[in-house]
């Protein structure tokens, strides 16, 4: 399955703003997708692995346990710090 991944913040610096990604057949959830991305792009492991990472599907924030079935686009929002 091909998904459009949209990255914000430092993840956009690593991946670019948008990326079409062929999801491995073994990935059933967003957490599985993050694990696959981390294996393929180890330099992004720290940013992708943050417990405070947020994900959006159809303009709704979802948990990492959200299933991938039927999805076309996932947005990745890394934690931000303000001052």
Protein backbone atom coordinates (compact mmCIF):
# COMPACT_ATOMS: atom_id res chain seq x y z
CA UNK A 1 0.00 0.00 0.00
CA UNK A 2 1.24 3.47 -0.88
CA UNK A 3 0.70 6.28 1.63
CA UNK A 4 1.35 10.00 1.41
CA UNK A 5 3.32 11.01 4.50
CA UNK A 6 3.44 14.69 5.47
CA UNK A 7 6.13 15.85 7.89
CA UNK A 8 6.42 19.02 9.95
CA UNK A 9 9.22 20.63 11.93
CA UNK A 10 12.56 18.82 12.08
CA UNK A 11 11.06 15.77 10.36
CA UNK A 12 10.49 17.88 7.24
CA UNK A 13 14.22 18.66 7.29
CA UNK A 14 14.98 14.93 7.34
CA UNK A 15 12.37 13.64 4.89
CA UNK A 16 11.12 16.65 2.97
CA UNK A 17 7.63 18.03 3.46
CA UNK A 18 5.80 15.22 1.65
CA UNK A 19 6.85 11.71 0.80
CA UNK A 20 5.08 8.86 -0.94
CA UNK A 21 5.99 5.70 0.93
CA UNK A 22 5.36 2.05 0.13
CA UNK A 23 4.24 0.60 3.45
CA UNK A 24 5.56 -2.90 4.24
CA UNK A 25 2.86 -5.58 4.26
CA UNK A 26 3.69 -6.30 7.90
CA UNK A 27 2.67 -2.77 9.01
CA UNK A 28 -0.88 -2.70 10.37
CA UNK A 29 -0.77 0.43 12.56
CA UNK A 30 0.90 3.83 12.59
CA UNK A 31 3.27 2.47 15.25
CA UNK A 32 4.29 -0.30 12.81
CA UNK A 33 4.81 2.33 10.11
CA UNK A 34 7.01 4.40 12.45
CA UNK A 35 9.06 1.28 13.25
CA UNK A 36 9.53 0.58 9.53
CA UNK A 37 10.57 4.19 8.87
CA UNK A 38 13.02 4.02 11.78
CA UNK A 39 14.62 0.86 10.39
CA UNK A 40 14.88 2.35 6.90
CA UNK A 41 16.02 5.81 8.07
CA UNK A 42 18.05 5.32 11.28
CA UNK A 43 19.12 9.00 11.32
CA UNK A 44 15.48 9.87 12.01
CA UNK A 45 15.04 7.38 14.86
CA UNK A 46 15.30 10.01 17.60
CA UNK A 47 12.72 12.31 16.04
CA UNK A 48 10.35 9.54 14.98
CA UNK A 49 10.61 7.71 18.29
CA UNK A 50 9.46 10.58 20.48
CA UNK A 51 6.66 9.59 22.85
CA UNK A 52 5.16 13.03 22.24
CA UNK A 53 4.87 12.58 18.46
CA UNK A 54 1.36 13.31 17.17
CA UNK A 55 -0.30 11.91 14.08
CA UNK A 56 -3.25 13.20 12.09
CA UNK A 57 -5.56 11.37 9.73
CA UNK A 58 -8.38 13.27 7.98
CA UNK A 59 -7.71 16.35 10.14
CA UNK A 60 -8.12 14.31 13.34
CA UNK A 61 -5.35 13.56 15.83
CA UNK A 62 -5.03 9.79 16.23
CA UNK A 63 -2.98 7.45 18.40
CA UNK A 64 -0.05 5.40 17.13
CA UNK A 65 -2.28 2.33 17.51
CA UNK A 66 -4.55 3.64 14.71
CA UNK A 67 -4.86 1.14 11.87
CA UNK A 68 -3.50 1.83 8.39
CA UNK A 69 -6.26 0.04 6.49
CA UNK A 70 -7.93 2.43 4.06
CA UNK A 71 -5.65 5.38 4.80
CA UNK A 72 -4.17 7.52 2.07
CA UNK A 73 -2.36 10.23 4.07
CA UNK A 74 -0.79 10.57 7.52
CA UNK A 75 0.63 13.77 8.97
CA UNK A 76 3.49 13.62 11.49
CA UNK A 77 3.74 16.36 14.11
CA UNK A 78 6.90 16.20 16.24
CA UNK A 79 6.87 17.82 19.65
CA UNK A 80 7.77 21.49 19.66
CA UNK A 81 9.31 23.66 22.31
CA UNK A 82 8.47 27.26 22.77
CA UNK A 83 10.00 30.09 24.64
